[in-house]
Amino acid sequence: MMLYPAMSKLISYIPNRYMLVNVVARRARQIAEDAEENCVKLEEKPVTLSIHEVADGKLDASHMDLTIEEEPEKV
């Protein structure tokens, strides 16, 4: 099965594949959490919805906080 929309279109919004995976995964988790909180049944999987948001230009790397939070040291 091929990826739709094409990777070349997705890469035009997100600079590299690694960041694309991170952005799509993070957005998919947000979609899933929002749907669960609001008891909404999704028509498509959260990852699919997230990929389409990127392809439609609604989501790019600037929309996401990609920083990694460090856990405080345990004493």
Protein backbone atom coordinates (compact mmCIF):
# COMPACT_ATOMS: atom_id res chain seq x y z
CA MET A 1 0.00 0.00 0.00
CA MET A 2 1.34 3.40 -0.95
CA LEU A 3 1.21 6.47 1.22
CA TYR A 4 -1.46 8.94 0.24
CA PRO A 5 -0.87 11.82 0.07
CA ALA A 6 2.58 11.35 -1.43
CA MET A 7 5.66 11.77 0.73
CA SER A 8 6.93 14.52 -1.59
CA LYS A 9 3.86 16.62 -0.76
CA LEU A 10 4.25 16.04 2.98
CA ILE A 11 7.96 16.91 2.89
CA SER A 12 7.08 20.26 1.31
CA TYR A 13 5.51 21.25 4.67
CA ILE A 14 7.82 19.40 7.08
CA PRO A 15 11.55 19.64 6.32
CA ASN A 16 12.56 16.01 6.85
CA ARG A 17 11.07 12.56 7.41
CA TYR A 18 12.19 12.29 11.02
CA MET A 19 10.44 15.53 11.95
CA LEU A 20 7.41 14.50 9.88
CA VAL A 21 7.03 11.34 11.95
CA ASN A 22 7.32 13.32 15.19
CA VAL A 23 4.84 15.98 14.12
CA VAL A 24 2.29 13.46 12.80
CA ALA A 25 2.59 11.23 15.87
CA ARG A 26 2.24 14.11 18.32
CA ARG A 27 -0.78 15.52 16.48
CA ALA A 28 -2.35 12.06 16.26
CA ARG A 29 -2.07 11.69 20.05
CA GLN A 30 -3.74 15.09 20.49
CA ILE A 31 -6.58 14.08 18.18
CA ALA A 32 -7.06 10.76 19.99
CA GLU A 33 -7.02 12.38 23.43
CA ASP A 34 -9.51 15.08 22.38
CA ALA A 35 -11.84 12.48 20.87
CA GLU A 36 -11.69 10.38 24.04
CA GLU A 37 -12.32 13.36 26.32
CA ASN A 38 -15.33 14.47 24.27
CA CYS A 39 -16.64 10.93 23.65
CA VAL A 40 -16.38 11.41 19.89
CA LYS A 41 -16.13 8.45 17.53
CA LEU A 42 -13.59 9.20 14.81
CA GLU A 43 -14.38 8.30 11.20
CA GLU A 44 -10.69 7.70 10.46
CA LYS A 45 -7.65 6.81 12.54
CA PRO A 46 -5.92 9.74 14.27
CA VAL A 47 -2.71 9.19 12.28
CA THR A 48 -4.63 9.40 9.01
CA LEU A 49 -6.30 12.62 10.11
CA SER A 50 -2.95 14.05 11.15
CA ILE A 51 -1.30 13.16 7.81
CA HIS A 52 -4.14 14.85 5.95
CA GLU A 53 -3.72 17.98 8.08
CA VAL A 54 -0.08 18.15 7.00
CA ALA A 55 -0.98 17.56 3.34
CA ASP A 56 -3.63 20.30 3.48
CA GLY A 57 -1.05 22.75 4.86
CA LYS A 58 -2.91 23.08 8.17
CA LEU A 59 -0.04 21.63 10.16
CA ASP A 60 3.69 22.18 9.93
CA ALA A 61 6.62 21.97 12.30
CA SER A 62 6.08 25.52 13.54
CA HIS A 63 2.72 24.50 15.07
CA MET A 64 4.27 21.88 17.33
CA ASP A 65 6.31 22.17 20.50
CA LEU A 66 8.98 19.56 19.78
CA THR A 67 11.07 20.18 22.87
CA ILE A 68 11.80 17.27 25.14
CA GLU A 69 11.09 17.89 28.77
CA GLU A 70 13.66 16.45 31.12
CA GLU A 71 12.48 14.72 34.23
CA PRO A 72 13.77 16.17 37.49
CA GLU A 73 16.53 14.17 39.14
CA LYS A 74 15.41 11.88 41.93
CA VAL A 75 17.30 12.43 45.14
